[in-house]
Amino acid sequence: MKQVRLTQIKSSNGRLESHKACLRGLGIRRMHHTVLVRDTPENRGMITKVWYMLKIEDV
């Protein structure tokens, strides 16, 4: 299955609680933290919601 590499490049301080929850759901814990997630519709929905805080790369 395809995977996507996500890196948080902007702070989550002062963001909506639902956006912070999306970051936690994707497994991102802190600034410059990189995770690999499966490219599923559920994950794509969370990525779309917080795209402005992430660097997104296809693997």
C-alpha atoms as a PDB file:
ATOM      1  CA  MET A   1       0.000   0.000   0.000  1.00  0.00           C
ATOM      2  CA  LYS A   2       1.197   3.535  -0.731  1.00  0.00           C
ATOM      3  CA  GLN A   3       2.552   5.628   2.074  1.00  0.00           C
ATOM      4  CA  VAL A   4       2.903   9.349   2.663  1.00  0.00           C
ATOM      5  CA  ARG A   5       5.716  11.024   4.615  1.00  0.00           C
ATOM      6  CA  LEU A   6       4.495  13.913   6.786  1.00  0.00           C
ATOM      7  CA  THR A   7       6.633  16.472   8.609  1.00  0.00           C
ATOM      8  CA  GLN A   8       5.213  19.189  10.842  1.00  0.00           C
ATOM      9  CA  ILE A   9       6.683  22.543   9.788  1.00  0.00           C
ATOM     10  CA  LYS A  10       4.433  24.968  11.703  1.00  0.00           C
ATOM     11  CA  SER A  11       3.458  25.071  15.350  1.00  0.00           C
ATOM     12  CA  SER A  12       0.096  23.822  16.577  1.00  0.00           C
ATOM     13  CA  ASN A  13      -0.046  26.465  19.323  1.00  0.00           C
ATOM     14  CA  GLY A  14      -3.171  28.573  19.037  1.00  0.00           C
ATOM     15  CA  ARG A  15      -4.804  26.268  16.463  1.00  0.00           C
ATOM     16  CA  LEU A  16      -8.290  24.819  16.624  1.00  0.00           C
ATOM     17  CA  GLU A  17      -8.641  21.812  18.909  1.00  0.00           C
ATOM     18  CA  SER A  18      -9.890  19.706  15.986  1.00  0.00           C
ATOM     19  CA  HIS A  19      -6.703  20.516  14.035  1.00  0.00           C
ATOM     20  CA  LYS A  20      -4.554  19.485  16.992  1.00  0.00           C
ATOM     21  CA  ALA A  21      -6.563  16.258  17.198  1.00  0.00           C
ATOM     22  CA  CYS A  22      -5.826  15.561  13.518  1.00  0.00           C
ATOM     23  CA  LEU A  23      -2.089  15.942  14.148  1.00  0.00           C
ATOM     24  CA  ARG A  24      -2.314  13.526  17.093  1.00  0.00           C
ATOM     25  CA  GLY A  25      -4.361  11.118  14.982  1.00  0.00           C
ATOM     26  CA  LEU A  26      -1.671  11.138  12.309  1.00  0.00           C
ATOM     27  CA  GLY A  27       0.961  10.377  14.967  1.00  0.00           C
ATOM     28  CA  ILE A  28       2.758  13.730  14.799  1.00  0.00           C
ATOM     29  CA  ARG A  29       4.050  14.773  18.215  1.00  0.00           C
ATOM     30  CA  ARG A  30       6.189  17.903  17.773  1.00  0.00           C
ATOM     31  CA  MET A  31       7.763  20.319  15.312  1.00  0.00           C
ATOM     32  CA  HIS A  32       9.970  18.706  12.637  1.00  0.00           C
ATOM     33  CA  HIS A  33       8.688  15.255  13.606  1.00  0.00           C
ATOM     34  CA  THR A  34       8.374  12.996  10.547  1.00  0.00           C
ATOM     35  CA  VAL A  35       5.995  10.046  10.288  1.00  0.00           C
ATOM     36  CA  LEU A  36       4.998   7.579   7.574  1.00  0.00           C
ATOM     37  CA  VAL A  37       1.250   6.966   7.262  1.00  0.00           C
ATOM     38  CA  ARG A  38      -0.778   4.829   4.893  1.00  0.00           C
ATOM     39  CA  ASP A  39      -2.467   6.660   2.049  1.00  0.00           C
ATOM     40  CA  THR A  40      -6.077   5.908   3.039  1.00  0.00           C
ATOM     41  CA  PRO A  41      -9.166   8.128   2.642  1.00  0.00           C
ATOM     42  CA  GLU A  42      -9.298   8.596   6.429  1.00  0.00           C
ATOM     43  CA  ASN A  43      -5.703   9.813   6.633  1.00  0.00           C
ATOM     44  CA  ARG A  44      -6.131  11.958   3.506  1.00  0.00           C
ATOM     45  CA  GLY A  45      -9.059  13.709   5.209  1.00  0.00           C
ATOM     46  CA  MET A  46      -6.923  14.572   8.245  1.00  0.00           C
ATOM     47  CA  ILE A  47      -4.039  15.685   6.022  1.00  0.00           C
ATOM     48  CA  THR A  48      -6.384  17.940   4.033  1.00  0.00           C
ATOM     49  CA  LYS A  49      -7.584  19.567   7.247  1.00  0.00           C
ATOM     50  CA  VAL A  50      -4.075  20.493   8.488  1.00  0.00           C
ATOM     51  CA  TRP A  51      -2.165  20.759   5.181  1.00  0.00           C
ATOM     52  CA  TYR A  52      -0.909  24.253   6.065  1.00  0.00           C
ATOM     53  CA  MET A  53       1.140  22.876   8.985  1.00  0.00           C
ATOM     54  CA  LEU A  54       2.652  19.927   7.105  1.00  0.00           C
ATOM     55  CA  LYS A  55       5.241  19.093   4.502  1.00  0.00           C
ATOM     56  CA  ILE A  56       3.755  16.236   2.469  1.00  0.00           C
ATOM     57  CA  GLU A  57       5.852  13.818   0.396  1.00  0.00           C
ATOM     58  CA  ASP A  58       4.803  10.685  -1.490  1.00  0.00           C
ATOM     59  CA  VAL A  59       6.991   7.660  -0.781  1.00  0.00           C
END
